[in-house]
N, C-alpha and C. Protein backbone atom coordinates (compact mmCIF):
# COMPACT_ATOMS: atom_id res chain seq x y z
N MET A 1 130.60 85.07 88.78
CA MET A 1 129.28 84.62 88.37
C MET A 1 128.43 85.83 87.99
N LYS A 2 127.67 85.69 86.93
CA LYS A 2 126.77 86.76 86.48
C LYS A 2 125.72 87.02 87.55
N LYS A 3 125.40 88.28 87.75
CA LYS A 3 124.34 88.67 88.69
C LYS A 3 123.10 89.08 87.90
N TYR A 4 121.97 88.54 88.26
CA TYR A 4 120.70 88.93 87.66
C TYR A 4 120.02 89.94 88.58
N LYS A 5 119.36 90.93 88.00
CA LYS A 5 118.63 91.92 88.80
C LYS A 5 117.44 91.25 89.48
N LEU A 6 117.22 91.62 90.73
CA LEU A 6 116.03 91.16 91.45
C LEU A 6 114.95 92.22 91.25
N VAL A 7 113.78 91.80 90.77
CA VAL A 7 112.72 92.75 90.46
C VAL A 7 111.38 92.30 91.06
N MET A 8 110.51 93.27 91.25
CA MET A 8 109.14 93.00 91.69
C MET A 8 108.22 93.57 90.62
N ILE A 9 107.29 92.74 90.16
CA ILE A 9 106.37 93.15 89.11
C ILE A 9 104.94 92.98 89.59
N GLU A 10 104.16 94.05 89.47
CA GLU A 10 102.73 93.98 89.72
C GLU A 10 102.05 93.87 88.37
N TRP A 11 101.18 92.87 88.23
CA TRP A 11 100.58 92.61 86.92
C TRP A 11 99.14 92.15 87.06
N GLN A 12 98.37 92.47 86.04
CA GLN A 12 96.95 92.13 86.02
C GLN A 12 96.78 90.78 85.35
N ASP A 13 96.08 89.90 86.04
CA ASP A 13 95.84 88.56 85.53
C ASP A 13 94.60 88.53 84.67
N ALA A 14 94.60 87.67 83.67
CA ALA A 14 93.41 87.45 82.85
C ALA A 14 92.75 86.17 83.37
N TRP A 15 91.49 86.27 83.75
CA TRP A 15 90.82 85.10 84.29
C TRP A 15 89.32 85.23 84.09
N ALA A 16 88.60 84.17 84.37
CA ALA A 16 87.14 84.18 84.18
C ALA A 16 86.45 83.85 85.50
N ASN A 17 85.50 84.68 85.85
CA ASN A 17 84.65 84.47 87.03
C ASN A 17 83.35 83.88 86.49
N THR A 18 82.86 82.85 87.13
CA THR A 18 81.67 82.18 86.61
C THR A 18 80.41 83.02 86.73
N ILE A 19 80.46 84.13 87.50
CA ILE A 19 79.25 84.94 87.68
C ILE A 19 79.22 86.12 86.72
N ASP A 20 80.21 87.06 86.83
CA ASP A 20 80.10 88.26 86.00
C ASP A 20 81.43 88.80 85.48
N CYS A 21 82.54 88.18 85.77
CA CYS A 21 83.86 88.58 85.26
C CYS A 21 84.22 90.04 85.58
N THR A 22 83.81 90.55 86.72
CA THR A 22 84.08 91.94 87.04
C THR A 22 85.28 92.13 87.97
N ASP A 23 85.73 91.08 88.61
CA ASP A 23 86.88 91.21 89.52
C ASP A 23 88.17 91.33 88.71
N ILE A 24 89.04 92.23 89.14
CA ILE A 24 90.35 92.40 88.52
C ILE A 24 91.38 91.92 89.53
N LEU A 25 92.18 90.95 89.13
CA LEU A 25 93.21 90.41 90.02
C LEU A 25 94.55 91.03 89.70
N ILE A 26 95.18 91.64 90.70
CA ILE A 26 96.52 92.19 90.55
C ILE A 26 97.45 91.30 91.37
N HIS A 27 98.41 90.71 90.69
CA HIS A 27 99.40 89.85 91.34
C HIS A 27 100.69 90.63 91.55
N THR A 28 101.47 90.22 92.54
CA THR A 28 102.82 90.73 92.73
C THR A 28 103.76 89.54 92.68
N THR A 29 104.73 89.61 91.77
CA THR A 29 105.68 88.52 91.59
C THR A 29 107.09 89.09 91.73
N VAL A 30 107.93 88.38 92.48
CA VAL A 30 109.33 88.77 92.66
C VAL A 30 110.21 87.68 92.06
N GLY A 31 111.23 88.09 91.31
CA GLY A 31 112.14 87.11 90.73
C GLY A 31 113.35 87.78 90.12
N PHE A 32 114.23 86.95 89.59
CA PHE A 32 115.44 87.46 88.94
C PHE A 32 115.14 87.70 87.46
N LEU A 33 115.46 88.89 86.98
CA LEU A 33 115.19 89.26 85.60
C LEU A 33 116.10 88.45 84.68
N TYR A 34 115.51 87.51 83.96
CA TYR A 34 116.27 86.64 83.08
C TYR A 34 116.34 87.19 81.66
N ARG A 35 115.17 87.65 81.16
CA ARG A 35 115.13 88.16 79.78
C ARG A 35 113.99 89.16 79.63
N GLU A 36 114.22 90.17 78.81
CA GLU A 36 113.18 91.13 78.44
C GLU A 36 113.08 91.15 76.92
N THR A 37 111.85 91.11 76.42
CA THR A 37 111.62 91.30 74.99
C THR A 37 110.57 92.39 74.84
N LYS A 38 110.23 92.73 73.62
CA LYS A 38 109.20 93.74 73.42
C LYS A 38 107.83 93.24 73.87
N ASP A 39 107.67 91.92 73.98
CA ASP A 39 106.38 91.33 74.32
C ASP A 39 106.24 90.86 75.76
N GLU A 40 107.35 90.51 76.40
CA GLU A 40 107.25 89.94 77.75
C GLU A 40 108.50 90.18 78.58
N ILE A 41 108.32 89.96 79.87
CA ILE A 41 109.44 89.92 80.81
C ILE A 41 109.47 88.51 81.37
N CYS A 42 110.65 87.91 81.39
CA CYS A 42 110.81 86.55 81.89
C CYS A 42 111.64 86.59 83.17
N LEU A 43 111.05 86.08 84.25
CA LEU A 43 111.74 86.02 85.54
C LEU A 43 112.16 84.58 85.83
N ALA A 44 113.20 84.43 86.61
CA ALA A 44 113.64 83.13 87.09
C ALA A 44 113.53 83.13 88.61
N GLN A 45 113.13 82.00 89.16
CA GLN A 45 113.01 81.89 90.61
C GLN A 45 114.38 81.82 91.27
N SER A 46 115.33 81.15 90.62
CA SER A 46 116.66 81.01 91.23
C SER A 46 117.70 80.76 90.15
N TYR A 47 118.96 80.96 90.55
CA TYR A 47 120.08 80.60 89.68
C TYR A 47 121.27 80.25 90.56
N TYR A 48 122.18 79.44 90.00
CA TYR A 48 123.35 79.00 90.74
C TYR A 48 124.46 78.65 89.76
N SER A 49 125.66 78.49 90.30
CA SER A 49 126.81 78.20 89.47
C SER A 49 127.41 76.86 89.87
N VAL A 50 127.71 76.04 88.85
CA VAL A 50 128.41 74.77 89.05
C VAL A 50 129.54 74.73 88.05
N GLU A 51 130.76 74.62 88.56
CA GLU A 51 131.95 74.58 87.69
C GLU A 51 131.94 75.72 86.67
N ASP A 52 131.69 76.92 87.14
CA ASP A 52 131.68 78.14 86.33
C ASP A 52 130.58 78.19 85.28
N LYS A 53 129.60 77.31 85.35
CA LYS A 53 128.45 77.36 84.45
C LYS A 53 127.24 77.81 85.25
N ILE A 54 126.55 78.85 84.76
CA ILE A 54 125.37 79.37 85.45
C ILE A 54 124.15 78.57 85.02
N ASN A 55 123.40 78.11 85.99
CA ASN A 55 122.15 77.39 85.76
C ASN A 55 121.00 78.24 86.29
N VAL A 56 119.99 78.43 85.47
CA VAL A 56 118.84 79.24 85.83
C VAL A 56 117.61 78.36 85.69
N ASN A 57 116.67 78.47 86.67
CA ASN A 57 115.50 77.60 86.58
C ASN A 57 114.23 78.25 87.09
N ASN A 58 113.12 77.54 86.87
CA ASN A 58 111.78 77.96 87.28
C ASN A 58 111.41 79.32 86.69
N PHE A 59 111.19 79.33 85.39
CA PHE A 59 110.89 80.56 84.65
C PHE A 59 109.41 80.94 84.77
N PHE A 60 109.16 82.24 84.71
CA PHE A 60 107.80 82.77 84.77
C PHE A 60 107.72 83.96 83.83
N GLY A 61 106.90 83.85 82.79
CA GLY A 61 106.77 84.92 81.80
C GLY A 61 105.53 85.77 82.06
N ILE A 62 105.69 87.08 81.94
CA ILE A 62 104.58 88.01 82.12
C ILE A 62 104.47 88.88 80.87
N PRO A 63 103.34 88.86 80.17
CA PRO A 63 103.17 89.72 79.00
C PRO A 63 103.26 91.20 79.39
N ARG A 64 103.95 91.98 78.60
CA ARG A 64 104.11 93.42 78.91
C ARG A 64 102.79 94.15 79.06
N GLY A 65 101.78 93.76 78.29
CA GLY A 65 100.49 94.42 78.37
C GLY A 65 99.78 94.23 79.70
N CYS A 66 100.21 93.25 80.47
CA CYS A 66 99.60 92.98 81.78
C CYS A 66 100.33 93.69 82.92
N ILE A 67 101.53 94.20 82.67
CA ILE A 67 102.35 94.80 83.73
C ILE A 67 101.84 96.17 84.11
N LYS A 68 101.61 96.35 85.42
CA LYS A 68 101.13 97.62 85.95
C LYS A 68 102.27 98.41 86.59
N LYS A 69 103.23 97.70 87.22
CA LYS A 69 104.34 98.37 87.90
C LYS A 69 105.54 97.45 87.91
N TYR A 70 106.72 98.06 87.68
CA TYR A 70 108.00 97.33 87.63
C TYR A 70 108.96 98.01 88.58
N THR A 71 109.50 97.28 89.55
CA THR A 71 110.40 97.87 90.53
C THR A 71 111.66 97.01 90.66
N GLU A 72 112.82 97.65 90.53
CA GLU A 72 114.07 96.93 90.76
C GLU A 72 114.35 96.95 92.26
N ILE A 73 114.67 95.80 92.82
CA ILE A 73 114.97 95.68 94.24
C ILE A 73 116.48 95.72 94.41
N ARG A 74 116.93 96.66 95.17
CA ARG A 74 118.38 96.80 95.38
C ARG A 74 118.83 95.79 96.43
N THR A 75 119.91 95.08 96.09
CA THR A 75 120.44 94.06 97.01
C THR A 75 121.81 94.45 97.52
C-alpha cells in the first residue's frame, strides 16, 4: 500500500472581525500529504486499502500564500 507523508502545517487564516480586523489567526493542521501544486497543499485526514485499492478521504486544502511553516512528521 502506498504511504503518504504525515505533515504539520502552520497557516494564517483569512477572516473578518466585526470590530477592527486586527487579530491574526494561526492554525496548525496535521494530515497526510495527498497533493502539492504551485498554488496549494492538499491534506487528507485518513486513507485505507480495500482489495488493493487505496481510498483517501476528508480533504483539506491550504493556499500556499497562507502557509507559515511546513514540517514533515517522521513515523
